[in-house]
């Protein structure tokens, strides 16, 4: 495979999942880890992604960067966010993780009053503070901050979640498959999201359709745990048939 093709595949993976690992890219590209490292270094120098220990993240992954913030498929994510907004009602207690689609949702909530948000995402907490109505509030779930995901993880965060019962959870979804369920790239993130699910009456996944039929190492939950799946597709789209057959509400 030529270098130009490898670079495009790497960028596609980074844009879709926000974060990728060297080992995964090596398997996808069928090249050595050293080759992937060189590719990531070149793409970092071109400012097309940010190289981090063990892999890379998209330029849009972090608000606090000197690079231009990019949101992959932002138009589709805006469509998803508008659909997701219909699930939020005044007085709701909402648990929300990070993720670029969830961040698009937060941009639309200023006109919904009296909301209470709990989040383990530092980026999400700051975005919420900048977008919520004056009578709404944000509670940051603290813990050990993961540099790669900007989420609070570990026993402290999970302990706080055990004392919450949110009306709705908007669960950031990196990988979603009809058979493998929702999976994650990181063990601690998987444990945190399991705790978020337990702390919620309803689980909603806002995800672009490109993430459907993808999976990774660590299982978070079976697909049946999702109450509502929101994509940019029409709810009757054939691509969603298997999810519909599982009894998942589609928006």
C-alpha atoms as a PDB file:
ATOM      1  CA  UNK A   1       0.000   0.000   0.000  1.00  0.00           C
ATOM      2  CA  UNK A   2       1.356   3.426  -0.941  1.00  0.00           C
ATOM      3  CA  UNK A   3       2.024   6.017   1.737  1.00  0.00           C
ATOM      4  CA  UNK A   4      -0.680   8.348   0.416  1.00  0.00           C
ATOM      5  CA  UNK A   5      -3.267   5.579   0.799  1.00  0.00           C
ATOM      6  CA  UNK A   6      -2.047   4.764   4.309  1.00  0.00           C
ATOM      7  CA  UNK A   7      -2.287   8.394   5.329  1.00  0.00           C
ATOM      8  CA  UNK A   8      -5.863   8.663   4.073  1.00  0.00           C
ATOM      9  CA  UNK A   9      -6.926   5.517   5.931  1.00  0.00           C
ATOM     10  CA  UNK A  10      -5.290   6.817   9.120  1.00  0.00           C
ATOM     11  CA  UNK A  11      -7.065  10.169   8.790  1.00  0.00           C
ATOM     12  CA  UNK A  12     -10.393   8.440   8.141  1.00  0.00           C
ATOM     13  CA  UNK A  13      -9.990   6.368  11.315  1.00  0.00           C
ATOM     14  CA  UNK A  14      -8.918   9.358  13.416  1.00  0.00           C
ATOM     15  CA  UNK A  15     -11.742  11.559  12.162  1.00  0.00           C
ATOM     16  CA  UNK A  16     -14.327   8.842  12.766  1.00  0.00           C
ATOM     17  CA  UNK A  17     -13.238   7.692  16.231  1.00  0.00           C
ATOM     18  CA  UNK A  18     -11.332  10.786  17.470  1.00  0.00           C
ATOM     19  CA  UNK A  19      -8.609   8.580  18.923  1.00  0.00           C
ATOM     20  CA  UNK A  20      -6.777   5.592  17.438  1.00  0.00           C
ATOM     21  CA  UNK A  21      -4.039   3.259  18.653  1.00  0.00           C
ATOM     22  CA  UNK A  22      -0.819   2.307  16.906  1.00  0.00           C
ATOM     23  CA  UNK A  23      -1.623  -1.385  17.280  1.00  0.00           C
ATOM     24  CA  UNK A  24      -5.040  -1.006  15.656  1.00  0.00           C
ATOM     25  CA  UNK A  25      -3.662   1.019  12.761  1.00  0.00           C
ATOM     26  CA  UNK A  26      -0.896  -1.511  12.232  1.00  0.00           C
ATOM     27  CA  UNK A  27      -3.514  -4.250  11.892  1.00  0.00           C
ATOM     28  CA  UNK A  28      -5.784  -2.238   9.612  1.00  0.00           C
ATOM     29  CA  UNK A  29      -2.940  -1.195   7.316  1.00  0.00           C
ATOM     30  CA  UNK A  30      -1.059  -4.499   7.568  1.00  0.00           C
ATOM     31  CA  UNK A  31       2.250  -2.728   8.131  1.00  0.00           C
ATOM     32  CA  UNK A  32       4.742  -2.582  10.993  1.00  0.00           C
ATOM     33  CA  UNK A  33       4.332  -0.391  14.066  1.00  0.00           C
ATOM     34  CA  UNK A  34       7.433   1.562  13.013  1.00  0.00           C
ATOM     35  CA  UNK A  35       5.794   2.402   9.683  1.00  0.00           C
ATOM     36  CA  UNK A  36       2.673   3.639  11.453  1.00  0.00           C
ATOM     37  CA  UNK A  37       4.787   5.750  13.830  1.00  0.00           C
ATOM     38  CA  UNK A  38       6.498   7.411  10.870  1.00  0.00           C
ATOM     39  CA  UNK A  39       3.141   8.029   9.194  1.00  0.00           C
ATOM     40  CA  UNK A  40       1.712   9.600  12.343  1.00  0.00           C
ATOM     41  CA  UNK A  41       4.794  11.778  12.758  1.00  0.00           C
ATOM     42  CA  UNK A  42       4.430  13.067   9.193  1.00  0.00           C
ATOM     43  CA  UNK A  43       0.701  13.717   9.590  1.00  0.00           C
ATOM     44  CA  UNK A  44       1.352  15.503  12.886  1.00  0.00           C
ATOM     45  CA  UNK A  45       3.954  17.728  11.221  1.00  0.00           C
ATOM     46  CA  UNK A  46       1.384  18.517   8.515  1.00  0.00           C
ATOM     47  CA  UNK A  47      -1.054  19.399  11.360  1.00  0.00           C
ATOM     48  CA  UNK A  48      -3.621  16.916  10.096  1.00  0.00           C
ATOM     49  CA  UNK A  49      -3.806  15.137  13.481  1.00  0.00           C
ATOM     50  CA  UNK A  50      -2.087  15.183  16.849  1.00  0.00           C
ATOM     51  CA  UNK A  51       0.351  12.376  17.634  1.00  0.00           C
ATOM     52  CA  UNK A  52       0.101  11.165  21.234  1.00  0.00           C
ATOM     53  CA  UNK A  53       1.661   8.332  23.206  1.00  0.00           C
ATOM     54  CA  UNK A  54       0.528   5.057  21.679  1.00  0.00           C
ATOM     55  CA  UNK A  55      -1.467   6.567  18.822  1.00  0.00           C
ATOM     56  CA  UNK A  56      -3.099   9.782  17.649  1.00  0.00           C
ATOM     57  CA  UNK A  57      -6.130  12.013  18.224  1.00  0.00           C
ATOM     58  CA  UNK A  58      -8.020  14.287  15.839  1.00  0.00           C
ATOM     59  CA  UNK A  59      -7.362  18.014  15.864  1.00  0.00           C
ATOM     60  CA  UNK A  60     -10.981  18.549  16.908  1.00  0.00           C
ATOM     61  CA  UNK A  61     -10.648  16.293  19.945  1.00  0.00           C
ATOM     62  CA  UNK A  62      -9.414  19.016  22.277  1.00  0.00           C
ATOM     63  CA  UNK A  63     -10.774  22.532  22.653  1.00  0.00           C
ATOM     64  CA  UNK A  64      -7.479  23.652  24.134  1.00  0.00           C
ATOM     65  CA  UNK A  65      -5.216  23.515  21.131  1.00  0.00           C
ATOM     66  CA  UNK A  66      -3.401  25.985  18.940  1.00  0.00           C
ATOM     67  CA  UNK A  67      -4.674  24.132  15.886  1.00  0.00           C
ATOM     68  CA  UNK A  68      -7.879  24.957  14.071  1.00  0.00           C
ATOM     69  CA  UNK A  69     -10.694  22.982  15.633  1.00  0.00           C
ATOM     70  CA  UNK A  70     -12.180  20.559  13.135  1.00  0.00           C
ATOM     71  CA  UNK A  71     -15.421  18.643  13.542  1.00  0.00           C
ATOM     72  CA  UNK A  72     -15.705  15.625  11.285  1.00  0.00           C
ATOM     73  CA  UNK A  73     -19.034  15.456   9.416  1.00  0.00           C
ATOM     74  CA  UNK A  74     -20.321  18.439  11.377  1.00  0.00           C
ATOM     75  CA  UNK A  75     -23.432  18.804   9.209  1.00  0.00           C
ATOM     76  CA  UNK A  76     -24.492  15.242  10.019  1.00  0.00           C
ATOM     77  CA  UNK A  77     -23.723  15.740  13.702  1.00  0.00           C
ATOM     78  CA  UNK A  78     -25.878  18.865  13.726  1.00  0.00           C
ATOM     79  CA  UNK A  79     -28.788  16.866  12.282  1.00  0.00           C
ATOM     80  CA  UNK A  80     -28.292  14.237  15.010  1.00  0.00           C
ATOM     81  CA  UNK A  81     -28.077  16.899  17.721  1.00  0.00           C
ATOM     82  CA  UNK A  82     -31.369  18.489  16.606  1.00  0.00           C
ATOM     83  CA  UNK A  83     -33.060  15.103  16.827  1.00  0.00           C
ATOM     84  CA  UNK A  84     -31.498  14.453  20.235  1.00  0.00           C
ATOM     85  CA  UNK A  85     -32.707  17.801  21.550  1.00  0.00           C
ATOM     86  CA  UNK A  86     -36.294  16.545  21.259  1.00  0.00           C
ATOM     87  CA  UNK A  87     -35.540  14.044  24.042  1.00  0.00           C
ATOM     88  CA  UNK A  88     -34.630  16.749  26.566  1.00  0.00           C
ATOM     89  CA  UNK A  89     -37.311  18.383  28.706  1.00  0.00           C
ATOM     90  CA  UNK A  90     -37.301  21.042  31.400  1.00  0.00           C
ATOM     91  CA  UNK A  91     -36.451  19.614  34.812  1.00  0.00           C
ATOM     92  CA  UNK A  92     -34.454  16.665  33.450  1.00  0.00           C
ATOM     93  CA  UNK A  93     -31.384  15.332  35.216  1.00  0.00           C
ATOM     94  CA  UNK A  94     -28.985  14.452  32.417  1.00  0.00           C
ATOM     95  CA  UNK A  95     -25.806  12.406  32.450  1.00  0.00           C
ATOM     96  CA  UNK A  96     -23.595  13.153  29.462  1.00  0.00           C
ATOM     97  CA  UNK A  97     -20.154  11.966  28.409  1.00  0.00           C
ATOM     98  CA  UNK A  98     -17.814  13.630  25.944  1.00  0.00           C
ATOM     99  CA  UNK A  99     -17.762  13.303  22.183  1.00  0.00           C
ATOM    100  CA  UNK A 100     -18.101  15.712  19.282  1.00  0.00           C
ATOM    101  CA  UNK A 101     -21.742  14.809  18.582  1.00  0.00           C
ATOM    102  CA  UNK A 102     -22.701  15.365  22.219  1.00  0.00           C
ATOM    103  CA  UNK A 103     -20.933  18.724  22.021  1.00  0.00           C
ATOM    104  CA  UNK A 104     -23.110  19.653  19.047  1.00  0.00           C
ATOM    105  CA  UNK A 105     -26.156  18.814  21.178  1.00  0.00           C
ATOM    106  CA  UNK A 106     -24.984  21.104  23.965  1.00  0.00           C
ATOM    107  CA  UNK A 107     -24.831  24.052  21.568  1.00  0.00           C
ATOM    108  CA  UNK A 108     -28.618  23.791  21.156  1.00  0.00           C
ATOM    109  CA  UNK A 109     -29.801  23.553  24.774  1.00  0.00           C
ATOM    110  CA  UNK A 110     -29.756  27.199  25.880  1.00  0.00           C
ATOM    111  CA  UNK A 111     -33.528  27.587  25.472  1.00  0.00           C
ATOM    112  CA  UNK A 112     -34.398  24.565  27.630  1.00  0.00           C
ATOM    113  CA  UNK A 113     -34.730  25.730  31.263  1.00  0.00           C
ATOM    114  CA  UNK A 114     -34.048  24.076  34.599  1.00  0.00           C
ATOM    115  CA  UNK A 115     -31.717  21.263  33.545  1.00  0.00           C
ATOM    116  CA  UNK A 116     -29.176  19.515  35.752  1.00  0.00           C
ATOM    117  CA  UNK A 117     -26.156  18.030  34.013  1.00  0.00           C
ATOM    118  CA  UNK A 118     -23.669  15.565  35.441  1.00  0.00           C
ATOM    119  CA  UNK A 119     -20.575  14.903  33.349  1.00  0.00           C
ATOM    120  CA  UNK A 120     -17.166  13.261  33.801  1.00  0.00           C
ATOM    121  CA  UNK A 121     -15.869  15.133  30.735  1.00  0.00           C
ATOM    122  CA  UNK A 122     -13.825  18.258  31.398  1.00  0.00           C
ATOM    123  CA  UNK A 123     -14.417  19.535  27.864  1.00  0.00           C
ATOM    124  CA  UNK A 124     -18.152  18.893  28.150  1.00  0.00           C
ATOM    125  CA  UNK A 125     -18.401  20.632  31.528  1.00  0.00           C
ATOM    126  CA  UNK A 126     -16.870  23.820  30.127  1.00  0.00           C
ATOM    127  CA  UNK A 127     -19.034  23.686  27.004  1.00  0.00           C
ATOM    128  CA  UNK A 128     -22.125  23.234  29.151  1.00  0.00           C
ATOM    129  CA  UNK A 129     -21.249  26.265  31.271  1.00  0.00           C
ATOM    130  CA  UNK A 130     -21.075  28.325  28.097  1.00  0.00           C
ATOM    131  CA  UNK A 131     -24.423  27.120  26.711  1.00  0.00           C
ATOM    132  CA  UNK A 132     -26.959  26.297  29.447  1.00  0.00           C
ATOM    133  CA  UNK A 133     -29.760  28.574  30.602  1.00  0.00           C
ATOM    134  CA  UNK A 134     -29.235  30.673  33.734  1.00  0.00           C
ATOM    135  CA  UNK A 135     -31.390  28.401  35.902  1.00  0.00           C
ATOM    136  CA  UNK A 136     -29.640  25.193  34.787  1.00  0.00           C
ATOM    137  CA  UNK A 137     -26.564  23.766  36.492  1.00  0.00           C
ATOM    138  CA  UNK A 138     -23.534  21.615  35.779  1.00  0.00           C
ATOM    139  CA  UNK A 139     -21.940  19.144  38.186  1.00  0.00           C
ATOM    140  CA  UNK A 140     -18.523  17.829  37.199  1.00  0.00           C
ATOM    141  CA  UNK A 141     -17.868  14.224  38.218  1.00  0.00           C
ATOM    142  CA  UNK A 142     -14.265  14.340  39.352  1.00  0.00           C
ATOM    143  CA  UNK A 143     -11.616  11.655  39.442  1.00  0.00           C
ATOM    144  CA  UNK A 144      -8.374  10.757  37.754  1.00  0.00           C
ATOM    145  CA  UNK A 145      -8.346  12.657  34.472  1.00  0.00           C
ATOM    146  CA  UNK A 146      -7.451  10.589  31.435  1.00  0.00           C
ATOM    147  CA  UNK A 147      -5.168  12.659  29.210  1.00  0.00           C
ATOM    148  CA  UNK A 148      -6.172  10.731  26.108  1.00  0.00           C
ATOM    149  CA  UNK A 149      -9.944  11.061  26.594  1.00  0.00           C
ATOM    150  CA  UNK A 150     -10.274  14.124  28.879  1.00  0.00           C
ATOM    151  CA  UNK A 151     -12.629  12.080  31.070  1.00  0.00           C
ATOM    152  CA  UNK A 152     -12.500  11.570  34.828  1.00  0.00           C
ATOM    153  CA  UNK A 153     -12.040   7.853  35.446  1.00  0.00           C
ATOM    154  CA  UNK A 154     -11.322   5.473  38.298  1.00  0.00           C
ATOM    155  CA  UNK A 155     -12.998   4.584  41.559  1.00  0.00           C
ATOM    156  CA  UNK A 156     -13.820   8.147  42.579  1.00  0.00           C
ATOM    157  CA  UNK A 157     -15.871   8.880  39.473  1.00  0.00           C
ATOM    158  CA  UNK A 158     -17.596   5.491  39.607  1.00  0.00           C
ATOM    159  CA  UNK A 159     -18.463   6.030  43.286  1.00  0.00           C
ATOM    160  CA  UNK A 160     -20.167   9.347  42.473  1.00  0.00           C
ATOM    161  CA  UNK A 161     -22.101   7.716  39.635  1.00  0.00           C
ATOM    162  CA  UNK A 162     -23.390   5.037  42.032  1.00  0.00           C
ATOM    163  CA  UNK A 163     -25.291   7.782  43.882  1.00  0.00           C
ATOM    164  CA  UNK A 164     -27.029   9.198  40.788  1.00  0.00           C
ATOM    165  CA  UNK A 165     -30.157   8.162  38.909  1.00  0.00           C
ATOM    166  CA  UNK A 166     -30.375  10.400  35.846  1.00  0.00           C
ATOM    167  CA  UNK A 167     -33.460  10.678  33.649  1.00  0.00           C
ATOM    168  CA  UNK A 168     -31.378  10.244  30.523  1.00  0.00           C
ATOM    169  CA  UNK A 169     -27.799   9.409  29.604  1.00  0.00           C
ATOM    170  CA  UNK A 170     -26.252  10.650  26.383  1.00  0.00           C
ATOM    171  CA  UNK A 171     -23.484   8.106  26.057  1.00  0.00           C
ATOM    172  CA  UNK A 172     -20.567   9.010  23.814  1.00  0.00           C
ATOM    173  CA  UNK A 173     -20.188   6.101  21.411  1.00  0.00           C
ATOM    174  CA  UNK A 174     -16.896   5.268  19.741  1.00  0.00           C
ATOM    175  CA  UNK A 175     -17.819   1.825  18.428  1.00  0.00           C
ATOM    176  CA  UNK A 176     -21.270   0.298  17.974  1.00  0.00           C
ATOM    177  CA  UNK A 177     -22.135  -3.099  16.503  1.00  0.00           C
ATOM    178  CA  UNK A 178     -25.339  -5.127  16.465  1.00  0.00           C
ATOM    179  CA  UNK A 179     -23.506  -8.231  17.773  1.00  0.00           C
ATOM    180  CA  UNK A 180     -20.657  -6.767  19.843  1.00  0.00           C
ATOM    181  CA  UNK A 181     -22.719  -3.955  21.345  1.00  0.00           C
ATOM    182  CA  UNK A 182     -20.990  -0.737  22.422  1.00  0.00           C
ATOM    183  CA  UNK A 183     -17.248  -1.110  22.882  1.00  0.00           C
ATOM    184  CA  UNK A 184     -14.331   1.143  23.763  1.00  0.00           C
ATOM    185  CA  UNK A 185     -10.657   1.502  23.029  1.00  0.00           C
ATOM    186  CA  UNK A 186      -9.718   1.933  26.715  1.00  0.00           C
ATOM    187  CA  UNK A 187     -10.488  -0.310  29.724  1.00  0.00           C
ATOM    188  CA  UNK A 188     -11.006   2.512  32.240  1.00  0.00           C
ATOM    189  CA  UNK A 189     -13.325   4.372  29.870  1.00  0.00           C
ATOM    190  CA  UNK A 190     -15.346   1.187  29.420  1.00  0.00           C
ATOM    191  CA  UNK A 191     -15.768   0.853  33.206  1.00  0.00           C
ATOM    192  CA  UNK A 192     -16.783   4.499  33.540  1.00  0.00           C
ATOM    193  CA  UNK A 193     -19.417   4.186  30.825  1.00  0.00           C
ATOM    194  CA  UNK A 194     -20.789   0.992  32.382  1.00  0.00           C
ATOM    195  CA  UNK A 195     -21.294   3.002  35.576  1.00  0.00           C
ATOM    196  CA  UNK A 196     -22.994   5.791  33.609  1.00  0.00           C
ATOM    197  CA  UNK A 197     -25.445   3.288  32.156  1.00  0.00           C
ATOM    198  CA  UNK A 198     -26.277   1.925  35.619  1.00  0.00           C
ATOM    199  CA  UNK A 199     -26.835   5.479  36.831  1.00  0.00           C
ATOM    200  CA  UNK A 200     -29.487   6.255  34.196  1.00  0.00           C
ATOM    201  CA  UNK A 201     -33.117   5.426  33.524  1.00  0.00           C
ATOM    202  CA  UNK A 202     -32.664   5.757  29.755  1.00  0.00           C
ATOM    203  CA  UNK A 203     -29.588   5.438  27.511  1.00  0.00           C
ATOM    204  CA  UNK A 204     -29.307   7.368  24.251  1.00  0.00           C
ATOM    205  CA  UNK A 205     -26.561   7.017  21.661  1.00  0.00           C
ATOM    206  CA  UNK A 206     -26.016   9.945  19.302  1.00  0.00           C
ATOM    207  CA  UNK A 207     -23.784   8.644  16.526  1.00  0.00           C
ATOM    208  CA  UNK A 208     -23.052   9.160  12.870  1.00  0.00           C
ATOM    209  CA  UNK A 209     -23.925   6.119  10.775  1.00  0.00           C
ATOM    210  CA  UNK A 210     -20.270   5.491   9.850  1.00  0.00           C
ATOM    211  CA  UNK A 211     -19.720   4.189  13.384  1.00  0.00           C
ATOM    212  CA  UNK A 212     -22.340   1.488  12.979  1.00  0.00           C
ATOM    213  CA  UNK A 213     -20.901  -2.022  12.585  1.00  0.00           C
ATOM    214  CA  UNK A 214     -17.578  -1.119  14.226  1.00  0.00           C
ATOM    215  CA  UNK A 215     -16.118  -2.589  17.415  1.00  0.00           C
ATOM    216  CA  UNK A 216     -13.016  -2.539  19.580  1.00  0.00           C
ATOM    217  CA  UNK A 217     -11.400  -4.282  22.554  1.00  0.00           C
ATOM    218  CA  UNK A 218     -13.475  -3.590  25.629  1.00  0.00           C
ATOM    219  CA  UNK A 219     -17.196  -4.179  25.945  1.00  0.00           C
ATOM    220  CA  UNK A 220     -19.397  -1.571  27.582  1.00  0.00           C
ATOM    221  CA  UNK A 221     -22.837  -3.093  27.036  1.00  0.00           C
ATOM    222  CA  UNK A 222     -25.035  -5.173  24.769  1.00  0.00           C
ATOM    223  CA  UNK A 223     -26.788  -3.311  21.986  1.00  0.00           C
ATOM    224  CA  UNK A 224     -30.155  -3.963  23.684  1.00  0.00           C
ATOM    225  CA  UNK A 225     -29.172  -1.620  26.541  1.00  0.00           C
ATOM    226  CA  UNK A 226     -29.643   1.354  24.224  1.00  0.00           C
ATOM    227  CA  UNK A 227     -33.134   2.804  24.467  1.00  0.00           C
ATOM    228  CA  UNK A 228     -32.759   5.254  21.593  1.00  0.00           C
ATOM    229  CA  UNK A 229     -30.287   5.374  18.705  1.00  0.00           C
ATOM    230  CA  UNK A 230     -30.027   8.708  16.923  1.00  0.00           C
ATOM    231  CA  UNK A 231     -28.250   8.987  13.574  1.00  0.00           C
ATOM    232  CA  UNK A 232     -28.373  11.350  10.615  1.00  0.00           C
ATOM    233  CA  UNK A 233     -30.275   8.684   8.665  1.00  0.00           C
ATOM    234  CA  UNK A 234     -34.030   8.487   8.296  1.00  0.00           C
ATOM    235  CA  UNK A 235     -35.418   6.191  10.982  1.00  0.00           C
ATOM    236  CA  UNK A 236     -36.746   3.850   8.270  1.00  0.00           C
ATOM    237  CA  UNK A 237     -33.411   3.550   6.476  1.00  0.00           C
ATOM    238  CA  UNK A 238     -32.501  -0.049   5.588  1.00  0.00           C
ATOM    239  CA  UNK A 239     -29.113   0.348   7.274  1.00  0.00           C
ATOM    240  CA  UNK A 240     -30.957   0.539  10.600  1.00  0.00           C
ATOM    241  CA  UNK A 241     -33.122  -2.549  10.079  1.00  0.00           C
ATOM    242  CA  UNK A 242     -31.201  -4.811  12.477  1.00  0.00           C
ATOM    243  CA  UNK A 243     -31.315  -2.188  15.202  1.00  0.00           C
ATOM    244  CA  UNK A 244     -35.053  -1.752  14.666  1.00  0.00           C
ATOM    245  CA  UNK A 245     -35.520  -5.510  14.991  1.00  0.00           C
ATOM    246  CA  UNK A 246     -33.795  -5.353  18.402  1.00  0.00           C
ATOM    247  CA  UNK A 247     -36.556  -3.058  19.630  1.00  0.00           C
ATOM    248  CA  UNK A 248     -34.362   0.035  19.751  1.00  0.00           C
ATOM    249  CA  UNK A 249     -36.169   3.320  19.198  1.00  0.00           C
ATOM    250  CA  UNK A 250     -34.703   5.099  16.175  1.00  0.00           C
ATOM    251  CA  UNK A 251     -34.617   8.841  15.525  1.00  0.00           C
END
